[in-house]
């Protein structure tokens, strides 16, 4: 049976899910609070660039968009670490040729909206603020943000893809036995820019995710097709140094001269950008259940917002869509079983990637500058090359496979114990290439 389905939130996940639902014959209304992104740029503090990896590509491939999106994506084959002295250290992400991809959030969202609109079963409504949610019907009460005109939309199924501060989830939080937790880390982020060089080329290597690790904070840079880089400063709100301690343009220049001297000459507008661009917070959302009475469901950040340090926020949301569509194939019109299976299937994996994202912040801002950590990564890659049937690095499982997140995390914890034994071997720095790793792994 074909359903009338309302999807609240026309971001990446909501737009993708609407395409999948529309192609199955459901009548879909995709509702968005902001203006049409294709006409007015969204200024919401969200990160401009995304790191697309295997789980995201799989979802796009299901709707026939993978090759089109690859035209606007730039492969990044590893991390390029920048020391305070300007020394560069490159750490591959996987085997030779494996990469994650830098993709513009807005361009990808536009393409997904276009595909959704081309589906005869999907209609888009913009500038509609959700004022009230009636879960039992289900229905949403909307007000046009410009005109104040009100409307009520009832549907058979209501899906909240409306982000970390979801209106749908807010209504569900008032139901019985709904568990909810939000956790803000002490850091926020601010987006900055390295413009294209005078000849229009990239000023630094375009095929790497650049990291300036500085212990308690870091700067990263992802390439854009126009030759520029989008930089993100992950920085404490308070303390020294912090967003609180840098108050003037002179403070900005002094801080970058001391902390990121190699990048300062590449950022001519750094002081103006820093002062003008917003500072945004970083939150992890955990909640359960994700569904209500077989009529309402949460997906993407509305169900499990995470910090961006594993590059999996979008990929995890897209994987939600793939799982939901696969369950539609399996259960058809049995929405009770479909929703129950969806939340039981996805919840533990959402918790796992949330934990991994928080852990990876420490790795990116601090450990990647540690010679012992870099040696460890070399050893892991060496073991994987020699014994791929016995060892797959955790990052490879997350970024380059469809192994469920919780399974990858469990395997990673076992590998951590093995690597601690290996790194404690005397003279490991000079003997690591000579060891019998197969024997070590079987002990």
Protein backbone atom coordinates (compact mmCIF):
# COMPACT_ATOMS: atom_id res chain seq x y z
CA UNK A 1 0.00 0.00 0.00
CA UNK A 2 1.28 3.45 -0.91
CA UNK A 3 1.46 5.92 1.96
CA UNK A 4 1.29 9.66 2.40
CA UNK A 5 4.62 10.40 4.06
CA UNK A 6 5.87 13.70 5.46
CA UNK A 7 9.63 14.16 5.80
CA UNK A 8 10.54 17.14 7.99
CA UNK A 9 13.98 18.49 7.08
CA UNK A 10 15.29 18.79 3.51
CA UNK A 11 18.96 18.47 4.35
CA UNK A 12 21.10 15.69 2.95
CA UNK A 13 19.43 12.76 4.71
CA UNK A 14 15.85 14.00 4.29
CA UNK A 15 16.36 14.70 0.59
CA UNK A 16 17.96 11.29 -0.02
CA UNK A 17 15.23 9.44 1.88
CA UNK A 18 12.53 11.34 -0.02
CA UNK A 19 14.02 10.15 -3.32
CA UNK A 20 13.96 6.54 -2.10
CA UNK A 21 10.39 6.81 -0.80
CA UNK A 22 9.12 8.56 -3.91
CA UNK A 23 10.58 5.90 -6.18
CA UNK A 24 8.68 3.28 -4.24
CA UNK A 25 5.42 5.02 -5.10
CA UNK A 26 4.78 6.78 -1.79
CA UNK A 27 3.46 10.34 -1.93
CA UNK A 28 6.08 12.41 -0.11
CA UNK A 29 6.00 15.96 1.22
CA UNK A 30 9.50 17.21 2.01
CA UNK A 31 9.31 20.18 4.42
CA UNK A 32 12.13 22.64 5.16
CA UNK A 33 12.35 25.62 7.54
CA UNK A 34 15.00 27.41 5.48
CA UNK A 35 14.59 28.93 1.99
CA UNK A 36 15.26 26.90 -1.14
CA UNK A 37 19.02 26.28 -1.06
CA UNK A 38 19.12 26.45 -4.85
CA UNK A 39 18.00 30.08 -4.68
CA UNK A 40 19.31 31.35 -1.32
CA UNK A 41 22.50 30.14 0.36
CA UNK A 42 21.89 28.68 3.82
CA UNK A 43 23.85 30.49 6.55
CA UNK A 44 23.47 28.08 9.44
CA UNK A 45 26.97 27.51 10.74
CA UNK A 46 27.10 23.97 9.36
CA UNK A 47 30.43 22.73 8.03
CA UNK A 48 30.84 23.57 4.36
CA UNK A 49 32.76 20.42 3.40
CA UNK A 50 31.94 16.78 3.93
CA UNK A 51 34.12 13.67 3.83
CA UNK A 52 32.35 11.13 1.64
CA UNK A 53 33.43 7.53 2.16
CA UNK A 54 32.19 4.09 1.16
CA UNK A 55 28.93 4.09 3.12
CA UNK A 56 27.90 7.39 1.55
CA UNK A 57 28.80 6.28 -1.96
CA UNK A 58 26.75 3.11 -1.52
CA UNK A 59 23.66 5.18 -0.71
CA UNK A 60 24.17 7.49 -3.69
CA UNK A 61 24.73 4.50 -5.94
CA UNK A 62 21.31 3.13 -4.95
CA UNK A 63 19.64 6.21 -6.45
CA UNK A 64 21.98 6.38 -9.46
CA UNK A 65 23.85 9.51 -8.32
CA UNK A 66 27.32 8.22 -7.49
CA UNK A 67 29.02 9.10 -10.77
CA UNK A 68 27.38 12.53 -10.94
CA UNK A 69 28.53 13.43 -7.44
CA UNK A 70 32.07 12.18 -8.12
CA UNK A 71 32.32 14.97 -10.69
CA UNK A 72 32.24 17.52 -7.84
CA UNK A 73 34.28 15.44 -5.36
CA UNK A 74 38.02 15.59 -4.74
CA UNK A 75 39.81 12.41 -3.57
CA UNK A 76 41.93 12.72 -0.44
CA UNK A 77 44.37 9.83 -0.08
CA UNK A 78 45.49 10.54 3.46
CA UNK A 79 46.21 13.03 6.22
CA UNK A 80 48.93 15.64 5.72
CA UNK A 81 50.16 16.76 9.12
CA UNK A 82 51.75 20.21 9.49
CA UNK A 83 54.11 20.72 12.44
CA UNK A 84 54.70 24.12 14.04
CA UNK A 85 58.05 24.18 12.20
CA UNK A 86 56.31 23.57 8.87
CA UNK A 87 57.41 19.95 8.53
CA UNK A 88 54.97 17.79 6.55
CA UNK A 89 54.13 14.17 7.38
CA UNK A 90 51.76 12.17 5.17
CA UNK A 91 49.69 9.29 6.56
CA UNK A 92 47.73 7.28 3.94
CA UNK A 93 44.13 6.46 4.79
CA UNK A 94 44.24 2.95 3.37
CA UNK A 95 45.85 0.94 0.61
CA UNK A 96 47.29 2.68 -2.43
CA UNK A 97 44.47 4.29 -4.39
CA UNK A 98 42.00 4.29 -1.50
CA UNK A 99 40.62 7.71 -0.62
CA UNK A 100 37.86 9.58 1.06
CA UNK A 101 36.37 12.49 -0.89
CA UNK A 102 35.89 16.17 -0.13
CA UNK A 103 32.39 17.20 -1.22
CA UNK A 104 30.56 20.51 -0.92
CA UNK A 105 27.59 20.14 1.42
CA UNK A 106 25.51 22.69 -0.49
CA UNK A 107 26.26 21.31 -3.96
CA UNK A 108 25.42 17.78 -2.83
CA UNK A 109 22.22 18.96 -1.14
CA UNK A 110 21.19 20.83 -4.30
CA UNK A 111 21.68 17.73 -6.42
CA UNK A 112 19.62 15.62 -4.01
CA UNK A 113 16.83 18.22 -3.98
CA UNK A 114 16.82 18.28 -7.77
CA UNK A 115 16.51 14.51 -7.97
CA UNK A 116 13.76 14.53 -5.33
CA UNK A 117 11.84 17.21 -7.22
CA UNK A 118 12.10 15.23 -10.43
CA UNK A 119 10.26 12.38 -8.74
CA UNK A 120 6.59 12.82 -9.51
CA UNK A 121 5.73 11.64 -6.00
CA UNK A 122 7.81 14.20 -4.07
CA UNK A 123 6.79 17.81 -3.39
CA UNK A 124 9.01 20.33 -1.59
CA UNK A 125 7.83 23.09 0.74
CA UNK A 126 10.30 25.72 1.98
CA UNK A 127 10.31 28.36 4.74
CA UNK A 128 7.93 26.29 6.86
CA UNK A 129 8.69 26.35 10.58
CA UNK A 130 7.32 23.47 12.62
CA UNK A 131 5.40 24.94 15.55
CA UNK A 132 3.71 21.83 16.94
CA UNK A 133 3.84 18.07 16.45
CA UNK A 134 0.88 15.74 17.08
CA UNK A 135 2.47 12.32 17.24
CA UNK A 136 -0.74 10.30 17.54
CA UNK A 137 -2.27 11.49 14.24
CA UNK A 138 0.54 12.18 13.12
CA UNK A 139 0.41 15.83 12.09
CA UNK A 140 2.66 18.87 12.07
CA UNK A 141 1.58 22.50 12.46
CA UNK A 142 3.60 24.81 10.23
CA UNK A 143 3.99 28.57 9.96
CA UNK A 144 5.55 30.28 6.94
CA UNK A 145 8.59 32.15 8.24
CA UNK A 146 7.95 35.18 5.98
CA UNK A 147 4.17 35.54 5.74
CA UNK A 148 3.06 33.94 9.01
CA UNK A 149 0.55 31.79 7.11
CA UNK A 150 -0.31 28.61 9.03
CA UNK A 151 -1.12 25.12 7.84
CA UNK A 152 -1.50 21.64 9.28
CA UNK A 153 -0.19 18.61 7.43
CA UNK A 154 -1.45 15.17 8.36
CA UNK A 155 0.07 12.01 6.94
CA UNK A 156 0.24 8.26 7.38
CA UNK A 157 3.95 8.36 8.27
CA UNK A 158 6.01 11.23 9.71
CA UNK A 159 9.80 11.11 9.52
CA UNK A 160 12.03 13.55 11.38
CA UNK A 161 15.22 14.31 9.48
CA UNK A 162 15.36 17.78 11.00
CA UNK A 163 18.80 17.65 12.57
CA UNK A 164 20.38 17.65 16.00
CA UNK A 165 17.72 19.91 17.48
CA UNK A 166 14.79 18.08 15.87
CA UNK A 167 11.23 19.28 16.47
CA UNK A 168 9.97 15.72 15.96
CA UNK A 169 12.36 14.36 18.57
CA UNK A 170 11.45 17.17 20.94
CA UNK A 171 7.84 15.97 20.82
CA UNK A 172 8.93 12.36 21.33
CA UNK A 173 10.96 13.38 24.39
CA UNK A 174 7.68 14.11 26.18
CA UNK A 175 6.41 10.56 25.66
CA UNK A 176 6.73 7.81 28.24
CA UNK A 177 10.08 5.99 28.60
CA UNK A 178 11.90 8.06 26.00
CA UNK A 179 15.62 8.28 26.83
CA UNK A 180 17.58 11.32 25.75
CA UNK A 181 21.07 12.72 26.29
CA UNK A 182 22.98 15.59 24.75
CA UNK A 183 26.65 16.28 25.34
CA UNK A 184 28.53 19.39 24.18
CA UNK A 185 32.32 19.14 24.09
CA UNK A 186 34.34 22.09 25.37
CA UNK A 187 35.38 22.99 21.82
CA UNK A 188 33.55 24.87 19.11
CA UNK A 189 34.54 25.45 15.51
CA UNK A 190 34.96 28.33 13.09
CA UNK A 191 35.27 28.04 9.30
CA UNK A 192 38.04 29.91 7.47
CA UNK A 193 39.41 29.90 3.91
CA UNK A 194 42.63 29.37 1.99
CA UNK A 195 41.85 31.02 -1.37
CA UNK A 196 43.10 29.63 -4.66
CA UNK A 197 46.60 30.66 -5.69
CA UNK A 198 47.07 33.51 -8.19
CA UNK A 199 47.11 31.01 -11.07
CA UNK A 200 43.85 29.44 -9.86
CA UNK A 201 45.57 26.32 -8.57
CA UNK A 202 45.52 24.86 -5.05
CA UNK A 203 48.05 26.45 -2.71
CA UNK A 204 48.74 23.14 -0.93
CA UNK A 205 48.32 19.48 -1.90
CA UNK A 206 44.70 19.06 -2.98
CA UNK A 207 44.66 15.29 -2.51
CA UNK A 208 45.06 15.30 1.28
CA UNK A 209 43.08 16.28 4.34
CA UNK A 210 45.45 18.75 5.97
CA UNK A 211 45.77 18.82 9.75
CA UNK A 212 47.64 21.25 11.98
CA UNK A 213 47.55 19.32 15.29
CA UNK A 214 48.33 21.44 18.32
CA UNK A 215 47.53 19.32 21.37
CA UNK A 216 44.29 20.75 22.74
CA UNK A 217 43.10 22.15 19.42
CA UNK A 218 43.65 21.82 15.69
CA UNK A 219 43.05 23.31 12.27
CA UNK A 220 42.03 21.20 9.29
CA UNK A 221 41.65 22.01 5.58
CA UNK A 222 39.64 20.26 2.86
CA UNK A 223 39.97 21.08 -0.87
CA UNK A 224 37.28 22.66 -3.05
CA UNK A 225 36.93 22.35 -6.84
CA UNK A 226 37.64 26.09 -7.34
CA UNK A 227 41.19 25.80 -5.97
CA UNK A 228 40.35 27.00 -2.47
CA UNK A 229 40.39 25.11 0.80
CA UNK A 230 37.77 25.25 3.52
CA UNK A 231 39.57 25.36 6.87
CA UNK A 232 37.98 24.56 10.21
CA UNK A 233 39.50 25.67 13.49
CA UNK A 234 38.43 23.37 16.35
CA UNK A 235 39.17 25.46 19.41
CA UNK A 236 38.19 25.62 23.11
CA UNK A 237 35.52 28.14 24.03
CA UNK A 238 37.39 29.21 27.17
CA UNK A 239 40.96 29.17 28.43
CA UNK A 240 44.28 30.16 26.90
CA UNK A 241 44.29 30.11 23.93
CA UNK A 242 40.58 29.96 23.05
CA UNK A 243 37.78 31.75 21.28
CA UNK A 244 37.38 33.75 24.48
CA UNK A 245 41.03 34.88 24.54
CA UNK A 246 41.16 36.06 20.91
CA UNK A 247 39.11 39.22 20.68
CA UNK A 248 40.74 41.51 18.08
CA UNK A 249 42.20 41.27 14.60
CA UNK A 250 45.63 41.82 16.10
CA UNK A 251 45.01 38.84 18.42
CA UNK A 252 44.13 36.70 15.40
CA UNK A 253 47.31 37.59 13.50
CA UNK A 254 49.51 37.09 16.57
CA UNK A 255 47.91 33.71 17.30
CA UNK A 256 48.35 32.44 13.72
CA UNK A 257 51.92 33.75 13.49
CA UNK A 258 52.80 31.76 16.59
CA UNK A 259 50.70 28.64 16.04
CA UNK A 260 50.16 28.18 12.28
CA UNK A 261 53.04 30.14 10.71
CA UNK A 262 53.16 28.10 7.50
CA UNK A 263 49.51 28.75 6.65
CA UNK A 264 49.29 32.43 7.56
CA UNK A 265 50.79 33.70 4.24
CA UNK A 266 48.11 31.67 2.39
CA UNK A 267 45.22 33.35 4.23
CA UNK A 268 45.25 37.06 3.37
CA UNK A 269 41.79 37.67 4.83
CA UNK A 270 42.27 35.62 7.98
CA UNK A 271 41.65 38.44 10.49
CA UNK A 272 38.44 39.64 8.81
CA UNK A 273 37.15 36.08 8.32
CA UNK A 274 37.87 35.10 11.90
CA UNK A 275 36.03 38.10 13.29
CA UNK A 276 33.04 37.81 10.93
CA UNK A 277 32.41 34.06 10.73
CA UNK A 278 30.25 32.43 13.42
CA UNK A 279 31.51 30.11 16.12
CA UNK A 280 29.45 26.93 16.23
CA UNK A 281 29.11 24.27 18.94
CA UNK A 282 29.71 20.52 18.70
CA UNK A 283 27.15 18.17 20.20
CA UNK A 284 26.53 14.44 20.50
CA UNK A 285 22.88 13.35 20.71
CA UNK A 286 21.84 9.94 21.99
CA UNK A 287 18.20 8.90 22.28
CA UNK A 288 15.88 5.88 22.14
CA UNK A 289 13.43 4.78 20.86
CA UNK A 290 13.68 6.25 17.37
CA UNK A 291 10.08 5.42 16.43
CA UNK A 292 6.60 6.03 17.83
CA UNK A 293 3.50 3.86 17.31
CA UNK A 294 4.54 2.72 13.82
CA UNK A 295 3.76 6.20 12.53
CA UNK A 296 6.77 8.36 13.39
CA UNK A 297 10.51 7.79 12.98
CA UNK A 298 13.76 9.70 13.46
CA UNK A 299 16.66 9.43 11.05
CA UNK A 300 20.13 10.93 10.66
CA UNK A 301 21.20 13.64 13.11
CA UNK A 302 17.69 13.78 14.60
CA UNK A 303 18.35 10.28 15.95
CA UNK A 304 22.11 10.36 16.51
CA UNK A 305 23.99 13.62 15.95
CA UNK A 306 27.75 13.13 16.34
CA UNK A 307 30.87 15.29 16.32
CA UNK A 308 32.66 15.41 12.93
CA UNK A 309 36.02 13.90 13.84
CA UNK A 310 35.58 10.55 12.08
CA UNK A 311 34.01 12.14 8.99
CA UNK A 312 31.00 9.84 9.36
CA UNK A 313 28.03 12.08 10.20
CA UNK A 314 26.63 12.22 6.68
CA UNK A 315 27.79 8.69 5.89
CA UNK A 316 25.98 7.32 8.95
CA UNK A 317 22.79 9.20 8.04
CA UNK A 318 22.95 7.92 4.48
CA UNK A 319 23.46 4.40 5.82
CA UNK A 320 20.25 4.87 7.87
CA UNK A 321 18.44 5.49 4.58
CA UNK A 322 19.94 2.39 2.97
CA UNK A 323 18.93 0.24 5.95
CA UNK A 324 15.40 1.64 5.93
CA UNK A 325 15.03 1.01 2.20
CA UNK A 326 16.33 -2.55 2.54
CA UNK A 327 13.77 -3.16 5.28
CA UNK A 328 11.02 -1.84 2.99
CA UNK A 329 12.10 -4.48 0.47
CA UNK A 330 11.88 -7.11 3.18
CA UNK A 331 8.75 -6.11 5.09
CA UNK A 332 6.68 -4.20 2.54
CA UNK A 333 3.69 -2.57 4.22
CA UNK A 334 4.40 -4.03 7.67
CA UNK A 335 5.55 -0.69 9.12
CA UNK A 336 5.46 -2.00 12.69
CA UNK A 337 8.07 -4.66 12.00
CA UNK A 338 9.96 -2.33 9.70
CA UNK A 339 10.29 0.45 12.29
CA UNK A 340 11.06 -1.92 15.17
CA UNK A 341 13.77 -3.64 13.14
CA UNK A 342 15.18 -0.33 11.91
CA UNK A 343 15.74 1.12 15.36
CA UNK A 344 17.03 -2.11 16.90
CA UNK A 345 19.41 -2.56 13.96
CA UNK A 346 20.78 0.97 13.83
CA UNK A 347 20.89 2.06 17.48
CA UNK A 348 24.01 0.15 18.61
CA UNK A 349 25.90 1.22 15.51
CA UNK A 350 24.95 4.86 16.04
CA UNK A 351 26.32 4.63 19.58
CA UNK A 352 29.53 3.08 18.31
CA UNK A 353 30.27 5.77 15.71
CA UNK A 354 29.44 8.47 18.28
CA UNK A 355 32.06 6.98 20.61
CA UNK A 356 34.59 6.65 17.80
CA UNK A 357 34.07 10.25 16.70
CA UNK A 358 34.77 11.55 20.19
CA UNK A 359 37.86 9.35 20.51
CA UNK A 360 39.19 10.42 17.12
CA UNK A 361 39.28 14.07 18.16
CA UNK A 362 42.10 13.25 20.56
CA UNK A 363 43.92 11.33 17.82
CA UNK A 364 43.60 14.12 15.25
CA UNK A 365 44.55 17.07 17.47
CA UNK A 366 47.36 15.37 19.40
CA UNK A 367 48.44 11.83 18.55
CA UNK A 368 49.03 12.37 14.82
CA UNK A 369 52.05 14.49 15.78
CA UNK A 370 53.49 11.71 17.96
CA UNK A 371 56.30 9.68 16.24
CA UNK A 372 55.29 6.53 18.16
CA UNK A 373 51.70 6.89 16.95
CA UNK A 374 52.88 7.31 13.35
CA UNK A 375 55.04 4.18 13.70
CA UNK A 376 52.05 2.30 15.01
CA UNK A 377 50.01 3.30 11.96
CA UNK A 378 52.83 2.10 9.68
CA UNK A 379 52.88 -1.25 11.48
CA UNK A 380 49.10 -1.63 11.19
CA UNK A 381 49.24 -0.90 7.45
CA UNK A 382 52.12 -3.37 7.09
CA UNK A 383 50.17 -6.13 8.87
CA UNK A 384 47.10 -5.44 6.74
CA UNK A 385 49.18 -5.67 3.56
CA UNK A 386 50.87 -8.91 4.61
CA UNK A 387 47.86 -10.57 6.28
CA UNK A 388 44.63 -8.97 5.01
CA UNK A 389 42.66 -12.02 6.13
CA UNK A 390 43.81 -11.53 9.74
CA UNK A 391 43.95 -7.75 10.14
CA UNK A 392 41.96 -4.81 8.88
CA UNK A 393 42.73 -1.44 10.52
CA UNK A 394 39.82 0.18 12.33
CA UNK A 395 39.82 3.23 10.05
CA UNK A 396 39.65 0.96 6.99
CA UNK A 397 36.67 -0.88 8.47
CA UNK A 398 34.87 2.42 9.07
CA UNK A 399 35.73 4.32 5.89
CA UNK A 400 36.24 1.63 3.25
CA UNK A 401 33.78 -1.11 4.14
CA UNK A 402 30.18 -1.72 5.18
CA UNK A 403 31.12 -3.58 8.36
CA UNK A 404 28.59 -2.37 10.96
CA UNK A 405 30.05 0.33 13.19
CA UNK A 406 29.61 -1.62 16.43
CA UNK A 407 31.31 -4.69 14.94
CA UNK A 408 34.20 -2.52 13.74
CA UNK A 409 34.54 -0.91 17.18
CA UNK A 410 34.60 -4.33 18.88
CA UNK A 411 37.30 -5.54 16.47
CA UNK A 412 39.21 -2.31 17.02
CA UNK A 413 39.28 -2.86 20.79
CA UNK A 414 40.83 -6.32 20.27
CA UNK A 415 43.37 -4.84 17.87
CA UNK A 416 44.24 -2.20 20.45
CA UNK A 417 45.31 -4.93 22.86
CA UNK A 418 47.46 -6.59 20.19
CA UNK A 419 49.09 -3.30 19.18
CA UNK A 420 49.93 -2.48 22.79
CA UNK A 421 51.85 -5.77 22.99
CA UNK A 422 53.63 -5.08 19.70
CA UNK A 423 54.56 -1.49 20.60
CA UNK A 424 56.06 -2.74 23.90
CA UNK A 425 58.50 -5.05 22.08
CA UNK A 426 62.08 -3.84 22.75
CA UNK A 427 63.63 -1.89 19.83
CA UNK A 428 60.34 -1.98 17.94
CA UNK A 429 61.44 1.15 16.03
CA UNK A 430 64.22 -0.79 14.27
CA UNK A 431 62.81 -4.32 14.19
CA UNK A 432 59.14 -3.85 13.21
CA UNK A 433 59.62 -4.90 9.58
CA UNK A 434 61.28 -8.18 10.59
CA UNK A 435 58.66 -9.50 13.03
CA UNK A 436 56.52 -12.59 12.42
CA UNK A 437 53.15 -10.86 12.67
CA UNK A 438 51.15 -13.94 11.78
CA UNK A 439 52.56 -15.70 14.81
CA UNK A 440 51.96 -12.63 16.99
CA UNK A 441 48.34 -12.42 15.87
CA UNK A 442 47.71 -16.07 16.59
CA UNK A 443 49.13 -15.96 20.10
